[in-house]
Amino acid sequence: MAHYIYIMSNPSHSVVYIGVTNNLERRVAEHKAHAVPGFTDTYNAVELVYFEEGPSIEEAIRREKQLKSWSRAKKNRLIESMNPDWRDLAADEKC
């Protein structure tokens, strides 16, 4: 089973949310539908701007914690390495 580390942002890209899931398509749909109260719902973080696959849940959680500890500038560089225009990747292609 695949595990994903993903980053959601709001349309103005002023906030980022980092999470882990074993079903990226379902989890992104939940964020977009505001199905779960919390950070992404409050700050309208509904655009998938970055994701990567982890080999195990333990590795995915480790990577999530690593990314969360980074400065915002470093997170921005990571996002821009995959997605320089900060497009909503879920709108462009199937995750």
PDB file of N, CA and C in Angstrom:
ATOM      1  N   MET A   1       0.841  -1.183   0.000  1.00  0.00           N
ATOM      2  CA  MET A   1       0.000   0.000   0.000  1.00  0.00           C
ATOM      3  C   MET A   1       0.883   1.242   0.000  1.00  0.00           C
ATOM      4  N   ALA A   2       0.531   2.179  -0.841  1.00  0.00           N
ATOM      5  CA  ALA A   2       1.286   3.431  -0.934  1.00  0.00           C
ATOM      6  C   ALA A   2       0.885   4.369   0.199  1.00  0.00           C
ATOM      7  N   HIS A   3       1.820   5.174   0.588  1.00  0.00           N
ATOM      8  CA  HIS A   3       1.588   6.227   1.574  1.00  0.00           C
ATOM      9  C   HIS A   3       2.121   7.523   0.983  1.00  0.00           C
ATOM     10  N   TYR A   4       1.384   8.602   1.169  1.00  0.00           N
ATOM     11  CA  TYR A   4       1.738   9.871   0.546  1.00  0.00           C
ATOM     12  C   TYR A   4       1.923  10.954   1.592  1.00  0.00           C
ATOM     13  N   ILE A   5       2.904  11.805   1.336  1.00  0.00           N
ATOM     14  CA  ILE A   5       3.093  13.043   2.057  1.00  0.00           C
ATOM     15  C   ILE A   5       2.605  14.103   1.087  1.00  0.00           C
ATOM     16  N   TYR A   6       1.762  15.003   1.534  1.00  0.00           N
ATOM     17  CA  TYR A   6       1.194  15.969   0.604  1.00  0.00           C
ATOM     18  C   TYR A   6       1.138  17.355   1.239  1.00  0.00           C
ATOM     19  N   ILE A   7       1.084  18.357   0.367  1.00  0.00           N
ATOM     20  CA  ILE A   7       0.970  19.735   0.828  1.00  0.00           C
ATOM     21  C   ILE A   7      -0.218  20.369   0.131  1.00  0.00           C
ATOM     22  N   MET A   8      -1.106  20.940   0.944  1.00  0.00           N
ATOM     23  CA  MET A   8      -2.255  21.693   0.464  1.00  0.00           C
ATOM     24  C   MET A   8      -1.993  23.176   0.721  1.00  0.00           C
ATOM     25  N   SER A   9      -2.554  24.027  -0.133  1.00  0.00           N
ATOM     26  CA  SER A   9      -2.441  25.465   0.061  1.00  0.00           C
ATOM     27  C   SER A   9      -3.783  26.115  -0.254  1.00  0.00           C
ATOM     28  N   ASN A  10      -3.929  27.350   0.162  1.00  0.00           N
ATOM     29  CA  ASN A  10      -5.130  28.098  -0.180  1.00  0.00           C
ATOM     30  C   ASN A  10      -4.905  28.805  -1.527  1.00  0.00           C
ATOM     31  N   PRO A  11      -5.951  29.340  -2.155  1.00  0.00           N
ATOM     32  CA  PRO A  11      -5.789  29.955  -3.478  1.00  0.00           C
ATOM     33  C   PRO A  11      -4.765  31.100  -3.533  1.00  0.00           C
ATOM     34  N   SER A  12      -4.575  31.823  -2.440  1.00  0.00           N
ATOM     35  CA  SER A  12      -3.582  32.910  -2.443  1.00  0.00           C
ATOM     36  C   SER A  12      -2.189  32.430  -2.035  1.00  0.00           C
ATOM     37  N   HIS A  13      -2.066  31.152  -1.702  1.00  0.00           N
ATOM     38  CA  HIS A  13      -0.803  30.506  -1.325  1.00  0.00           C
ATOM     39  C   HIS A  13      -0.158  31.122  -0.077  1.00  0.00           C
ATOM     40  N   SER A  14      -0.986  31.665   0.786  1.00  0.00           N
ATOM     41  CA  SER A  14      -0.458  32.277   2.012  1.00  0.00           C
ATOM     42  C   SER A  14      -0.293  31.273   3.148  1.00  0.00           C
ATOM     43  N   VAL A  15      -0.903  30.091   3.028  1.00  0.00           N
ATOM     44  CA  VAL A  15      -0.740  29.043   4.045  1.00  0.00           C
ATOM     45  C   VAL A  15      -0.446  27.718   3.359  1.00  0.00           C
ATOM     46  N   VAL A  16       0.233  26.845   4.080  1.00  0.00           N
ATOM     47  CA  VAL A  16       0.442  25.477   3.602  1.00  0.00           C
ATOM     48  C   VAL A  16       0.104  24.515   4.731  1.00  0.00           C
ATOM     49  N   TYR A  17      -0.404  23.364   4.351  1.00  0.00           N
ATOM     50  CA  TYR A  17      -0.739  22.297   5.274  1.00  0.00           C
ATOM     51  C   TYR A  17      -0.037  21.040   4.781  1.00  0.00           C
ATOM     52  N   ILE A  18       0.636  20.347   5.669  1.00  0.00           N
ATOM     53  CA  ILE A  18       1.348  19.120   5.321  1.00  0.00           C
ATOM     54  C   ILE A  18       0.669  17.956   6.015  1.00  0.00           C
ATOM     55  N   GLY A  19       0.371  16.913   5.254  1.00  0.00           N
ATOM     56  CA  GLY A  19      -0.296  15.750   5.815  1.00  0.00           C
ATOM     57  C   GLY A  19       0.217  14.451   5.223  1.00  0.00           C
ATOM     58  N   VAL A  20      -0.295  13.347   5.767  1.00  0.00           N
ATOM     59  CA  VAL A  20       0.056  11.991   5.330  1.00  0.00           C
ATOM     60  C   VAL A  20      -1.256  11.238   5.120  1.00  0.00           C
ATOM     61  N   THR A  21      -1.290  10.409   4.095  1.00  0.00           N
ATOM     62  CA  THR A  21      -2.463   9.589   3.833  1.00  0.00           C
ATOM     63  C   THR A  21      -2.072   8.340   3.060  1.00  0.00           C
ATOM     64  N   ASN A  22      -2.935   7.352   3.097  1.00  0.00           N
ATOM     65  CA  ASN A  22      -2.723   6.165   2.270  1.00  0.00           C
ATOM     66  C   ASN A  22      -3.624   6.202   1.027  1.00  0.00           C
ATOM     67  N   ASN A  23      -4.436   7.257   0.906  1.00  0.00           N
ATOM     68  CA  ASN A  23      -5.323   7.413  -0.249  1.00  0.00           C
ATOM     69  C   ASN A  23      -5.369   8.898  -0.605  1.00  0.00           C
ATOM     70  N   LEU A  24      -4.469   9.314  -1.466  1.00  0.00           N
ATOM     71  CA  LEU A  24      -4.324  10.730  -1.778  1.00  0.00           C
ATOM     72  C   LEU A  24      -5.576  11.306  -2.435  1.00  0.00           C
ATOM     73  N   GLU A  25      -6.141  10.595  -3.372  1.00  0.00           N
ATOM     74  CA  GLU A  25      -7.325  11.103  -4.073  1.00  0.00           C
ATOM     75  C   GLU A  25      -8.485  11.347  -3.094  1.00  0.00           C
ATOM     76  N   ARG A  26      -8.738  10.384  -2.219  1.00  0.00           N
ATOM     77  CA  ARG A  26      -9.812  10.542  -1.236  1.00  0.00           C
ATOM     78  C   ARG A  26      -9.537  11.696  -0.287  1.00  0.00           C
ATOM     79  N   ARG A  27      -8.296  11.775   0.204  1.00  0.00           N
ATOM     80  CA  ARG A  27      -7.963  12.806   1.202  1.00  0.00           C
ATOM     81  C   ARG A  27      -8.050  14.203   0.601  1.00  0.00           C
ATOM     82  N   VAL A  28      -7.577  14.370  -0.621  1.00  0.00           N
ATOM     83  CA  VAL A  28      -7.673  15.678  -1.273  1.00  0.00           C
ATOM     84  C   VAL A  28      -9.143  16.053  -1.468  1.00  0.00           C
ATOM     85  N   ALA A  29      -9.966  15.090  -1.873  1.00  0.00           N
ATOM     86  CA  ALA A  29     -11.401  15.351  -2.035  1.00  0.00           C
ATOM     87  C   ALA A  29     -12.028  15.790  -0.716  1.00  0.00           C
ATOM     88  N   GLU A  30     -11.606  15.190   0.397  1.00  0.00           N
ATOM     89  CA  GLU A  30     -12.113  15.606   1.712  1.00  0.00           C
ATOM     90  C   GLU A  30     -11.734  17.045   2.015  1.00  0.00           C
ATOM     91  N   HIS A  31     -10.481  17.417   1.718  1.00  0.00           N
ATOM     92  CA  HIS A  31     -10.068  18.809   1.938  1.00  0.00           C
ATOM     93  C   HIS A  31     -10.892  19.747   1.073  1.00  0.00           C
ATOM     94  N   LYS A  32     -11.053  19.421  -0.188  1.00  0.00           N
ATOM     95  CA  LYS A  32     -11.792  20.280  -1.110  1.00  0.00           C
ATOM     96  C   LYS A  32     -13.253  20.440  -0.704  1.00  0.00           C
ATOM     97  N   ALA A  33     -13.838  19.401  -0.116  1.00  0.00           N
ATOM     98  CA  ALA A  33     -15.238  19.434   0.316  1.00  0.00           C
ATOM     99  C   ALA A  33     -15.406  20.014   1.725  1.00  0.00           C
ATOM    100  N   HIS A  34     -14.289  20.383   2.374  1.00  0.00           N
ATOM    101  CA  HIS A  34     -14.316  20.874   3.758  1.00  0.00           C
ATOM    102  C   HIS A  34     -15.015  19.852   4.661  1.00  0.00           C
ATOM    103  N   ALA A  35     -14.744  18.581   4.408  1.00  0.00           N
ATOM    104  CA  ALA A  35     -15.418  17.494   5.119  1.00  0.00           C
ATOM    105  C   ALA A  35     -14.942  17.324   6.559  1.00  0.00           C
ATOM    106  N   VAL A  36     -13.738  17.785   6.852  1.00  0.00           N
ATOM    107  CA  VAL A  36     -13.183  17.603   8.194  1.00  0.00           C
ATOM    108  C   VAL A  36     -12.830  18.975   8.768  1.00  0.00           C
ATOM    109  N   PRO A  37     -13.457  19.358   9.882  1.00  0.00           N
ATOM    110  CA  PRO A  37     -13.120  20.642  10.493  1.00  0.00           C
ATOM    111  C   PRO A  37     -11.651  20.670  10.913  1.00  0.00           C
ATOM    112  N   GLY A  38     -11.035  21.823  10.794  1.00  0.00           N
ATOM    113  CA  GLY A  38      -9.638  21.964  11.203  1.00  0.00           C
ATOM    114  C   GLY A  38      -8.929  23.003  10.360  1.00  0.00           C
ATOM    115  N   PHE A  39      -7.613  22.899  10.329  1.00  0.00           N
ATOM    116  CA  PHE A  39      -6.768  23.902   9.680  1.00  0.00           C
ATOM    117  C   PHE A  39      -7.140  24.127   8.222  1.00  0.00           C
ATOM    118  N   THR A  40      -7.220  23.057   7.443  1.00  0.00           N
ATOM    119  CA  THR A  40      -7.469  23.235   6.010  1.00  0.00           C
ATOM    120  C   THR A  40      -8.854  23.806   5.759  1.00  0.00           C
ATOM    121  N   ASP A  41      -9.808  23.453   6.587  1.00  0.00           N
ATOM    122  CA  ASP A  41     -11.152  24.009   6.462  1.00  0.00           C
ATOM    123  C   ASP A  41     -11.145  25.488   6.826  1.00  0.00           C
ATOM    124  N   THR A  42     -10.535  25.831   7.945  1.00  0.00           N
ATOM    125  CA  THR A  42     -10.492  27.216   8.418  1.00  0.00           C
ATOM    126  C   THR A  42      -9.771  28.132   7.437  1.00  0.00           C
ATOM    127  N   TYR A  43      -8.653  27.661   6.884  1.00  0.00           N
ATOM    128  CA  TYR A  43      -7.827  28.505   6.014  1.00  0.00           C
ATOM    129  C   TYR A  43      -8.035  28.221   4.523  1.00  0.00           C
ATOM    130  N   ASN A  44      -9.059  27.435   4.182  1.00  0.00           N
ATOM    131  CA  ASN A  44      -9.408  27.142   2.792  1.00  0.00           C
ATOM    132  C   ASN A  44      -8.236  26.556   2.004  1.00  0.00           C
ATOM    133  N   ALA A  45      -7.480  25.690   2.637  1.00  0.00           N
ATOM    134  CA  ALA A  45      -6.345  25.031   1.974  1.00  0.00           C
ATOM    135  C   ALA A  45      -6.887  23.865   1.153  1.00  0.00           C
ATOM    136  N   VAL A  46      -7.317  24.164  -0.055  1.00  0.00           N
ATOM    137  CA  VAL A  46      -8.023  23.194  -0.895  1.00  0.00           C
ATOM    138  C   VAL A  46      -7.282  22.854  -2.186  1.00  0.00           C
ATOM    139  N   GLU A  47      -6.079  23.366  -2.350  1.00  0.00           N
ATOM    140  CA  GLU A  47      -5.302  23.087  -3.559  1.00  0.00           C
ATOM    141  C   GLU A  47      -4.122  22.177  -3.227  1.00  0.00           C
ATOM    142  N   LEU A  48      -4.027  21.059  -3.927  1.00  0.00           N
ATOM    143  CA  LEU A  48      -2.893  20.147  -3.782  1.00  0.00           C
ATOM    144  C   LEU A  48      -1.729  20.737  -4.574  1.00  0.00           C
ATOM    145  N   VAL A  49      -0.674  21.158  -3.871  1.00  0.00           N
ATOM    146  CA  VAL A  49       0.450  21.797  -4.565  1.00  0.00           C
ATOM    147  C   VAL A  49       1.715  20.942  -4.585  1.00  0.00           C
ATOM    148  N   TYR A  50       1.734  19.852  -3.793  1.00  0.00           N
ATOM    149  CA  TYR A  50       2.917  18.994  -3.756  1.00  0.00           C
ATOM    150  C   TYR A  50       2.515  17.649  -3.167  1.00  0.00           C
ATOM    151  N   PHE A  51       3.150  16.572  -3.651  1.00  0.00           N
ATOM    152  CA  PHE A  51       3.002  15.276  -3.011  1.00  0.00           C
ATOM    153  C   PHE A  51       4.196  14.406  -3.368  1.00  0.00           C
ATOM    154  N   GLU A  52       4.450  13.448  -2.513  1.00  0.00           N
ATOM    155  CA  GLU A  52       5.476  12.432  -2.779  1.00  0.00           C
ATOM    156  C   GLU A  52       5.016  11.144  -2.128  1.00  0.00           C
ATOM    157  N   GLU A  53       5.494  10.041  -2.656  1.00  0.00           N
ATOM    158  CA  GLU A  53       5.126   8.736  -2.134  1.00  0.00           C
ATOM    159  C   GLU A  53       6.202   8.253  -1.177  1.00  0.00           C
ATOM    160  N   GLY A  54       5.765   7.703  -0.054  1.00  0.00           N
ATOM    161  CA  GLY A  54       6.685   7.111   0.908  1.00  0.00           C
ATOM    162  C   GLY A  54       6.579   5.598   0.864  1.00  0.00           C
ATOM    163  N   PRO A  55       7.661   4.897   1.135  1.00  0.00           N
ATOM    164  CA  PRO A  55       7.658   3.444   1.040  1.00  0.00           C
ATOM    165  C   PRO A  55       6.890   2.746   2.159  1.00  0.00           C
ATOM    166  N   SER A  56       6.721   3.424   3.276  1.00  0.00           N
ATOM    167  CA  SER A  56       6.016   2.830   4.415  1.00  0.00           C
ATOM    168  C   SER A  56       5.365   3.954   5.204  1.00  0.00           C
ATOM    169  N   ILE A  57       4.404   3.614   6.042  1.00  0.00           N
ATOM    170  CA  ILE A  57       3.755   4.633   6.867  1.00  0.00           C
ATOM    171  C   ILE A  57       4.761   5.275   7.811  1.00  0.00           C
ATOM    172  N   GLU A  58       5.702   4.476   8.327  1.00  0.00           N
ATOM    173  CA  GLU A  58       6.708   5.025   9.245  1.00  0.00           C
ATOM    174  C   GLU A  58       7.581   6.063   8.538  1.00  0.00           C
ATOM    175  N   GLU A  59       8.002   5.741   7.324  1.00  0.00           N
ATOM    176  CA  GLU A  59       8.820   6.687   6.555  1.00  0.00           C
ATOM    177  C   GLU A  59       8.018   7.926   6.169  1.00  0.00           C
ATOM    178  N   ALA A  60       6.754   7.738   5.821  1.00  0.00           N
ATOM    179  CA  ALA A  60       5.916   8.878   5.453  1.00  0.00           C
ATOM    180  C   ALA A  60       5.733   9.815   6.644  1.00  0.00           C
ATOM    181  N   ILE A  61       5.500   9.269   7.813  1.00  0.00           N
ATOM    182  CA  ILE A  61       5.341  10.094   9.017  1.00  0.00           C
ATOM    183  C   ILE A  61       6.646  10.801   9.353  1.00  0.00           C
ATOM    184  N   ARG A  62       7.763  10.091   9.214  1.00  0.00           N
ATOM    185  CA  ARG A  62       9.068  10.718   9.458  1.00  0.00           C
ATOM    186  C   ARG A  62       9.274  11.905   8.516  1.00  0.00           C
ATOM    187  N   ARG A  63       8.959  11.703   7.239  1.00  0.00           N
ATOM    188  CA  ARG A  63       9.122  12.770   6.247  1.00  0.00           C
ATOM    189  C   ARG A  63       8.169  13.932   6.527  1.00  0.00           C
ATOM    190  N   GLU A  64       6.939  13.629   6.915  1.00  0.00           N
ATOM    191  CA  GLU A  64       5.977  14.681   7.267  1.00  0.00           C
ATOM    192  C   GLU A  64       6.538  15.553   8.396  1.00  0.00           C
ATOM    193  N   LYS A  65       7.051  14.922   9.431  1.00  0.00           N
ATOM    194  CA  LYS A  65       7.612  15.673  10.566  1.00  0.00           C
ATOM    195  C   LYS A  65       8.801  16.506  10.118  1.00  0.00           C
ATOM    196  N   GLN A  66       9.636  15.947   9.228  1.00  0.00           N
ATOM    197  CA  GLN A  66      10.775  16.689   8.715  1.00  0.00           C
ATOM    198  C   GLN A  66      10.307  17.945   7.980  1.00  0.00           C
ATOM    199  N   LEU A  67       9.353  17.783   7.073  1.00  0.00           N
ATOM    200  CA  LEU A  67       8.866  18.932   6.298  1.00  0.00           C
ATOM    201  C   LEU A  67       8.216  19.980   7.192  1.00  0.00           C
ATOM    202  N   LYS A  68       7.470  19.533   8.193  1.00  0.00           N
ATOM    203  CA  LYS A  68       6.813  20.481   9.096  1.00  0.00           C
ATOM    204  C   LYS A  68       7.821  21.318   9.878  1.00  0.00           C
ATOM    205  N   SER A  69       9.021  20.790  10.077  1.00  0.00           N
ATOM    206  CA  SER A  69      10.042  21.525  10.835  1.00  0.00           C
ATOM    207  C   SER A  69      10.775  22.559   9.981  1.00  0.00           C
ATOM    208  N   TRP A  70      10.611  22.491   8.682  1.00  0.00           N
ATOM    209  CA  TRP A  70      11.315  23.403   7.773  1.00  0.00           C
ATOM    210  C   TRP A  70      10.731  24.813   7.832  1.00  0.00           C
ATOM    211  N   SER A  71      11.559  25.768   7.448  1.00  0.00           N
ATOM    212  CA  SER A  71      11.090  27.146   7.311  1.00  0.00           C
ATOM    213  C   SER A  71      10.105  27.229   6.149  1.00  0.00           C
ATOM    214  N   ARG A  72       9.314  28.276   6.136  1.00  0.00           N
ATOM    215  CA  ARG A  72       8.366  28.452   5.029  1.00  0.00           C
ATOM    216  C   ARG A  72       9.110  28.602   3.701  1.00  0.00           C
ATOM    217  N   ALA A  73      10.241  29.290   3.709  1.00  0.00           N
ATOM    218  CA  ALA A  73      11.017  29.470   2.470  1.00  0.00           C
ATOM    219  C   ALA A  73      11.478  28.120   1.920  1.00  0.00           C
ATOM    220  N   LYS A  74      11.911  27.234   2.787  1.00  0.00           N
ATOM    221  CA  LYS A  74      12.365  25.917   2.340  1.00  0.00           C
ATOM    222  C   LYS A  74      11.194  25.084   1.814  1.00  0.00           C
ATOM    223  N   LYS A  75      10.037  25.179   2.485  1.00  0.00           N
ATOM    224  CA  LYS A  75       8.835  24.492   1.993  1.00  0.00           C
ATOM    225  C   LYS A  75       8.459  25.028   0.607  1.00  0.00           C
ATOM    226  N   ASN A  76       8.527  26.339   0.434  1.00  0.00           N
ATOM    227  CA  ASN A  76       8.207  26.936  -0.867  1.00  0.00           C
ATOM    228  C   ASN A  76       9.139  26.403  -1.952  1.00  0.00           C
ATOM    229  N   ARG A  77      10.418  26.296  -1.653  1.00  0.00           N
ATOM    230  CA  ARG A  77      11.377  25.768  -2.639  1.00  0.00           C
ATOM    231  C   ARG A  77      11.052  24.325  -3.002  1.00  0.00           C
ATOM    232  N   LEU A  78      10.666  23.530  -2.012  1.00  0.00           N
ATOM    233  CA  LEU A  78      10.287  22.141  -2.281  1.00  0.00           C
ATOM    234  C   LEU A  78       9.066  22.097  -3.208  1.00  0.00           C
ATOM    235  N   ILE A  79       8.054  22.862  -2.891  1.00  0.00           N
ATOM    236  CA  ILE A  79       6.849  22.913  -3.737  1.00  0.00           C
ATOM    237  C   ILE A  79       7.229  23.329  -5.147  1.00  0.00           C
ATOM    238  N   GLU A  80       8.020  24.378  -5.273  1.00  0.00           N
ATOM    239  CA  GLU A  80       8.378  24.914  -6.589  1.00  0.00           C
ATOM    240  C   GLU A  80       9.289  23.981  -7.372  1.00  0.00           C
ATOM    241  N   SER A  81       9.968  23.040  -6.703  1.00  0.00           N
ATOM    242  CA  SER A  81      10.793  22.065  -7.421  1.00  0.00           C
ATOM    243  C   SER A  81       9.915  21.104  -8.231  1.00  0.00           C
ATOM    244  N   MET A  82       8.701  20.884  -7.784  1.00  0.00           N
ATOM    245  CA  MET A  82       7.757  20.007  -8.489  1.00  0.00           C
ATOM    246  C   MET A  82       6.707  20.815  -9.241  1.00  0.00           C
ATOM    247  N   ASN A  83       6.371  21.969  -8.710  1.00  0.00           N
ATOM    248  CA  ASN A  83       5.207  22.715  -9.171  1.00  0.00           C
ATOM    249  C   ASN A  83       5.523  24.217  -9.146  1.00  0.00           C
ATOM    250  N   PRO A  84       6.336  24.697 -10.088  1.00  0.00           N
ATOM    251  CA  PRO A  84       6.794  26.089 -10.029  1.00  0.00           C
ATOM    252  C   PRO A  84       5.678  27.127 -10.061  1.00  0.00           C
ATOM    253  N   ASP A  85       4.532  26.789 -10.637  1.00  0.00           N
ATOM    254  CA  ASP A  85       3.429  27.746 -10.738  1.00  0.00           C
ATOM    255  C   ASP A  85       2.374  27.566  -9.651  1.00  0.00           C
ATOM    256  N   TRP A  86       2.622  26.655  -8.733  1.00  0.00           N
ATOM    257  CA  TRP A  86       1.694  26.386  -7.630  1.00  0.00           C
ATOM    258  C   TRP A  86       0.295  26.034  -8.176  1.00  0.00           C
ATOM    259  N   ARG A  87       0.260  25.256  -9.255  1.00  0.00           N
ATOM    260  CA  ARG A  87      -1.028  24.796  -9.787  1.00  0.00           C
ATOM    261  C   ARG A  87      -1.662  23.818  -8.805  1.00  0.00           C
ATOM    262  N   ASP A  88      -2.961  23.689  -8.885  1.00  0.00           N
ATOM    263  CA  ASP A  88      -3.668  22.664  -8.119  1.00  0.00           C
ATOM    264  C   ASP A  88      -3.466  21.358  -8.866  1.00  0.00           C
ATOM    265  N   LEU A  89      -2.569  20.521  -8.386  1.00  0.00           N
ATOM    266  CA  LEU A  89      -2.235  19.279  -9.074  1.00  0.00           C
ATOM    267  C   LEU A  89      -3.424  18.326  -9.169  1.00  0.00           C
ATOM    268  N   ALA A  90      -4.341  18.403  -8.222  1.00  0.00           N
ATOM    269  CA  ALA A  90      -5.525  17.548  -8.274  1.00  0.00           C
ATOM    270  C   ALA A  90      -6.454  17.969  -9.413  1.00  0.00           C
ATOM    271  N   ALA A  91      -6.394  19.222  -9.821  1.00  0.00           N
ATOM    272  CA  ALA A  91      -7.222  19.689 -10.933  1.00  0.00           C
ATOM    273  C   ALA A  91      -6.587  19.328 -12.266  1.00  0.00           C
ATOM    274  N   ASP A  92      -5.258  19.176 -12.285  1.00  0.00           N
ATOM    275  CA  ASP A  92      -4.515  18.919 -13.525  1.00  0.00           C
ATOM    276  C   ASP A  92      -4.491  17.452 -13.916  1.00  0.00           C
ATOM    277  N   GLU A  93      -4.389  16.594 -12.928  1.00  0.00           N
ATOM    278  CA  GLU A  93      -4.158  15.180 -13.216  1.00  0.00           C
ATOM    279  C   GLU A  93      -4.690  14.347 -12.059  1.00  0.00           C
ATOM    280  N   LYS A  94      -4.809  13.111 -12.296  1.00  0.00           N
ATOM    281  CA  LYS A  94      -5.228  12.201 -11.240  1.00  0.00           C
ATOM    282  C   LYS A  94      -4.041  11.974 -10.303  1.00  0.00           C
ATOM    283  N   CYS A  95      -4.271  12.054  -9.027  1.00  0.00           N
ATOM    284  CA  CYS A  95      -3.205  11.876  -8.024  1.00  0.00           C
ATOM    285  C   CYS A  95      -2.957  10.407  -7.811  1.00  0.00           C
TER     286      CYS A  95
END
